[in-house]
Amino acid sequence: MKNNVGGNIARERHNQHMTQEQLAELSDLTINYLSKIERGTIKQVGANTLFRISKALGVTMDSLMTGNDIRSSEEFNPNLRQLIKFLNGLETTQSEQLSKRLLEVLKITQKTNK
């Protein structure tokens, strides 16, 4: 069962308390397609698809293929990954400006909460 890619993906997704909908959105896949991968209906997952899923989960492709050493970053919850994906989708200057503004808001919020 360790070499069951779909099972490894589902296990890691559950470990991160992520829904199929969240993972599908983060990896730009349909929920139906992701569900088929996790259930093992789709036996061979393409490299591009596996890369997108591994990136969305914050783990290596190898760990999803083997089931070994699956490490995820606890601080990168689904909402944070969605924010990162959004920022990465912008042009560099837009992303930098928006990131700067968000940081300013966070710093102000942090100061007012003290």
C-alpha atoms as a PDB file:
ATOM      1  CA  MET A   1       0.000   0.000   0.000  1.00  0.00           C
ATOM      2  CA  LYS A   2       2.983   2.290   0.491  1.00  0.00           C
ATOM      3  CA  ASN A   3       3.503   2.594  -3.262  1.00  0.00           C
ATOM      4  CA  ASN A   4      -0.132   3.537  -3.856  1.00  0.00           C
ATOM      5  CA  VAL A   5       0.251   7.115  -5.087  1.00  0.00           C
ATOM      6  CA  GLY A   6      -3.436   7.920  -4.698  1.00  0.00           C
ATOM      7  CA  GLY A   7      -3.499   6.549  -1.166  1.00  0.00           C
ATOM      8  CA  ASN A   8      -0.369   8.512  -0.281  1.00  0.00           C
ATOM      9  CA  ILE A   9      -1.942  11.702  -1.611  1.00  0.00           C
ATOM     10  CA  ALA A  10      -5.166  11.096   0.332  1.00  0.00           C
ATOM     11  CA  ARG A  11      -3.243  10.277   3.517  1.00  0.00           C
ATOM     12  CA  GLU A  12      -1.156  13.432   3.303  1.00  0.00           C
ATOM     13  CA  ARG A  13      -4.202  15.533   2.484  1.00  0.00           C
ATOM     14  CA  HIS A  14      -5.984  14.146   5.550  1.00  0.00           C
ATOM     15  CA  ASN A  15      -2.891  14.718   7.699  1.00  0.00           C
ATOM     16  CA  GLN A  16      -3.033  18.379   6.705  1.00  0.00           C
ATOM     17  CA  HIS A  17      -6.783  18.592   7.422  1.00  0.00           C
ATOM     18  CA  MET A  18      -7.368  19.587   3.820  1.00  0.00           C
ATOM     19  CA  THR A  19     -10.470  18.813   1.790  1.00  0.00           C
ATOM     20  CA  GLN A  20     -10.385  17.438  -1.731  1.00  0.00           C
ATOM     21  CA  GLU A  21     -11.897  20.718  -2.853  1.00  0.00           C
ATOM     22  CA  GLN A  22      -9.043  22.698  -1.303  1.00  0.00           C
ATOM     23  CA  LEU A  23      -6.370  20.437  -2.788  1.00  0.00           C
ATOM     24  CA  ALA A  24      -8.071  20.481  -6.184  1.00  0.00           C
ATOM     25  CA  GLU A  25      -8.141  24.274  -6.166  1.00  0.00           C
ATOM     26  CA  LEU A  26      -4.530  24.586  -5.024  1.00  0.00           C
ATOM     27  CA  SER A  27      -3.310  22.137  -7.663  1.00  0.00           C
ATOM     28  CA  ASP A  28      -5.594  23.364 -10.477  1.00  0.00           C
ATOM     29  CA  LEU A  29      -7.287  19.975 -10.846  1.00  0.00           C
ATOM     30  CA  THR A  30     -10.948  19.067 -10.786  1.00  0.00           C
ATOM     31  CA  ILE A  31     -12.307  17.446  -7.643  1.00  0.00           C
ATOM     32  CA  ASN A  32     -13.539  14.536  -9.759  1.00  0.00           C
ATOM     33  CA  TYR A  33     -10.072  13.901 -11.206  1.00  0.00           C
ATOM     34  CA  LEU A  34      -8.390  14.197  -7.807  1.00  0.00           C
ATOM     35  CA  SER A  35     -10.946  11.819  -6.299  1.00  0.00           C
ATOM     36  CA  LYS A  36     -10.222   9.250  -9.017  1.00  0.00           C
ATOM     37  CA  ILE A  37      -6.488   9.513  -8.319  1.00  0.00           C
ATOM     38  CA  GLU A  38      -6.990   9.061  -4.573  1.00  0.00           C
ATOM     39  CA  ARG A  39      -9.326   6.070  -5.039  1.00  0.00           C
ATOM     40  CA  GLY A  40      -6.868   4.422  -7.427  1.00  0.00           C
ATOM     41  CA  THR A  41      -9.241   4.536 -10.403  1.00  0.00           C
ATOM     42  CA  ILE A  42      -6.488   6.376 -12.252  1.00  0.00           C
ATOM     43  CA  LYS A  43      -3.436   4.127 -11.917  1.00  0.00           C
ATOM     44  CA  GLN A  44      -0.814   6.281 -13.615  1.00  0.00           C
ATOM     45  CA  VAL A  45      -0.485   9.901 -12.591  1.00  0.00           C
ATOM     46  CA  GLY A  46       1.452  12.142 -14.958  1.00  0.00           C
ATOM     47  CA  ALA A  47       4.541  13.964 -13.743  1.00  0.00           C
ATOM     48  CA  ASN A  48       2.945  17.382 -14.218  1.00  0.00           C
ATOM     49  CA  THR A  49      -0.114  16.376 -12.194  1.00  0.00           C
ATOM     50  CA  LEU A  50       2.004  14.834  -9.451  1.00  0.00           C
ATOM     51  CA  PHE A  51       4.164  17.962  -9.361  1.00  0.00           C
ATOM     52  CA  ARG A  52       1.115  20.206  -8.959  1.00  0.00           C
ATOM     53  CA  ILE A  53      -0.270  18.039  -6.159  1.00  0.00           C
ATOM     54  CA  SER A  54       3.074  17.821  -4.360  1.00  0.00           C
ATOM     55  CA  LYS A  55       3.537  21.577  -4.608  1.00  0.00           C
ATOM     56  CA  ALA A  56       0.026  22.180  -3.243  1.00  0.00           C
ATOM     57  CA  LEU A  57       0.693  19.803  -0.342  1.00  0.00           C
ATOM     58  CA  GLY A  58       4.193  21.150   0.289  1.00  0.00           C
ATOM     59  CA  VAL A  59       5.853  17.745  -0.061  1.00  0.00           C
ATOM     60  CA  THR A  60       8.169  16.140  -2.596  1.00  0.00           C
ATOM     61  CA  MET A  61       6.953  14.154  -5.580  1.00  0.00           C
ATOM     62  CA  ASP A  62       9.103  11.263  -4.410  1.00  0.00           C
ATOM     63  CA  SER A  63       7.374  11.165  -1.032  1.00  0.00           C
ATOM     64  CA  LEU A  64       3.980  10.914  -2.744  1.00  0.00           C
ATOM     65  CA  MET A  65       5.198   8.094  -4.982  1.00  0.00           C
ATOM     66  CA  THR A  66       6.861   6.042  -2.249  1.00  0.00           C
ATOM     67  CA  GLY A  67       4.935   7.043   0.857  1.00  0.00           C
ATOM     68  CA  ASN A  68       8.249   7.525   2.645  1.00  0.00           C
ATOM     69  CA  ASP A  69       9.309  10.663   4.432  1.00  0.00           C
ATOM     70  CA  ILE A  70       6.175  12.634   3.700  1.00  0.00           C
ATOM     71  CA  ARG A  71       6.895  15.933   5.362  1.00  0.00           C
ATOM     72  CA  SER A  72       4.552  18.814   5.275  1.00  0.00           C
ATOM     73  CA  SER A  73       4.927  22.301   6.546  1.00  0.00           C
ATOM     74  CA  GLU A  74       2.375  22.731   9.326  1.00  0.00           C
ATOM     75  CA  GLU A  75       2.481  26.509   9.013  1.00  0.00           C
ATOM     76  CA  PHE A  76       1.323  26.377   5.395  1.00  0.00           C
ATOM     77  CA  ASN A  77      -2.381  25.768   5.850  1.00  0.00           C
ATOM     78  CA  PRO A  78      -4.720  25.731   2.833  1.00  0.00           C
ATOM     79  CA  ASN A  79      -5.558  29.444   3.159  1.00  0.00           C
ATOM     80  CA  LEU A  80      -1.893  30.411   3.204  1.00  0.00           C
ATOM     81  CA  ARG A  81      -1.214  28.222   0.173  1.00  0.00           C
ATOM     82  CA  GLN A  82      -4.118  29.898  -1.650  1.00  0.00           C
ATOM     83  CA  LEU A  83      -2.646  33.306  -0.850  1.00  0.00           C
ATOM     84  CA  ILE A  84       0.785  32.226  -2.087  1.00  0.00           C
ATOM     85  CA  LYS A  85      -0.749  30.784  -5.254  1.00  0.00           C
ATOM     86  CA  PHE A  86      -2.614  34.031  -5.865  1.00  0.00           C
ATOM     87  CA  LEU A  87       0.516  36.137  -5.334  1.00  0.00           C
ATOM     88  CA  ASN A  88       2.575  33.839  -7.573  1.00  0.00           C
ATOM     89  CA  GLY A  89      -0.027  34.258 -10.319  1.00  0.00           C
ATOM     90  CA  LEU A  90       0.461  38.017 -10.439  1.00  0.00           C
ATOM     91  CA  GLU A  91       3.136  39.867 -12.325  1.00  0.00           C
ATOM     92  CA  THR A  92       6.233  40.447 -10.208  1.00  0.00           C
ATOM     93  CA  THR A  93       5.621  44.133  -9.542  1.00  0.00           C
ATOM     94  CA  GLN A  94       1.975  43.533  -8.635  1.00  0.00           C
ATOM     95  CA  SER A  95       2.923  40.665  -6.345  1.00  0.00           C
ATOM     96  CA  GLU A  96       5.600  42.726  -4.621  1.00  0.00           C
ATOM     97  CA  GLN A  97       3.267  45.691  -4.116  1.00  0.00           C
ATOM     98  CA  LEU A  98       0.450  43.563  -2.755  1.00  0.00           C
ATOM     99  CA  SER A  99       2.832  41.604  -0.493  1.00  0.00           C
ATOM    100  CA  LYS A 100       4.208  44.861   0.861  1.00  0.00           C
ATOM    101  CA  ARG A 101       0.705  46.167   1.602  1.00  0.00           C
ATOM    102  CA  LEU A 102      -0.344  42.931   3.265  1.00  0.00           C
ATOM    103  CA  LEU A 103       2.732  43.029   5.481  1.00  0.00           C
ATOM    104  CA  GLU A 104       1.967  46.618   6.446  1.00  0.00           C
ATOM    105  CA  VAL A 105      -1.582  45.648   7.416  1.00  0.00           C
ATOM    106  CA  LEU A 106      -0.308  42.682   9.418  1.00  0.00           C
ATOM    107  CA  LYS A 107       2.211  44.827  11.262  1.00  0.00           C
ATOM    108  CA  ILE A 108      -0.453  47.400  12.129  1.00  0.00           C
ATOM    109  CA  THR A 109      -2.797  44.639  13.278  1.00  0.00           C
ATOM    110  CA  GLN A 110      -0.049  43.105  15.391  1.00  0.00           C
ATOM    111  CA  LYS A 111       0.709  46.459  17.052  1.00  0.00           C
ATOM    112  CA  THR A 112      -2.953  47.109  17.868  1.00  0.00           C
ATOM    113  CA  ASN A 113      -3.364  43.628  19.379  1.00  0.00           C
ATOM    114  CA  LYS A 114      -0.517  44.176  21.865  1.00  0.00           C
END
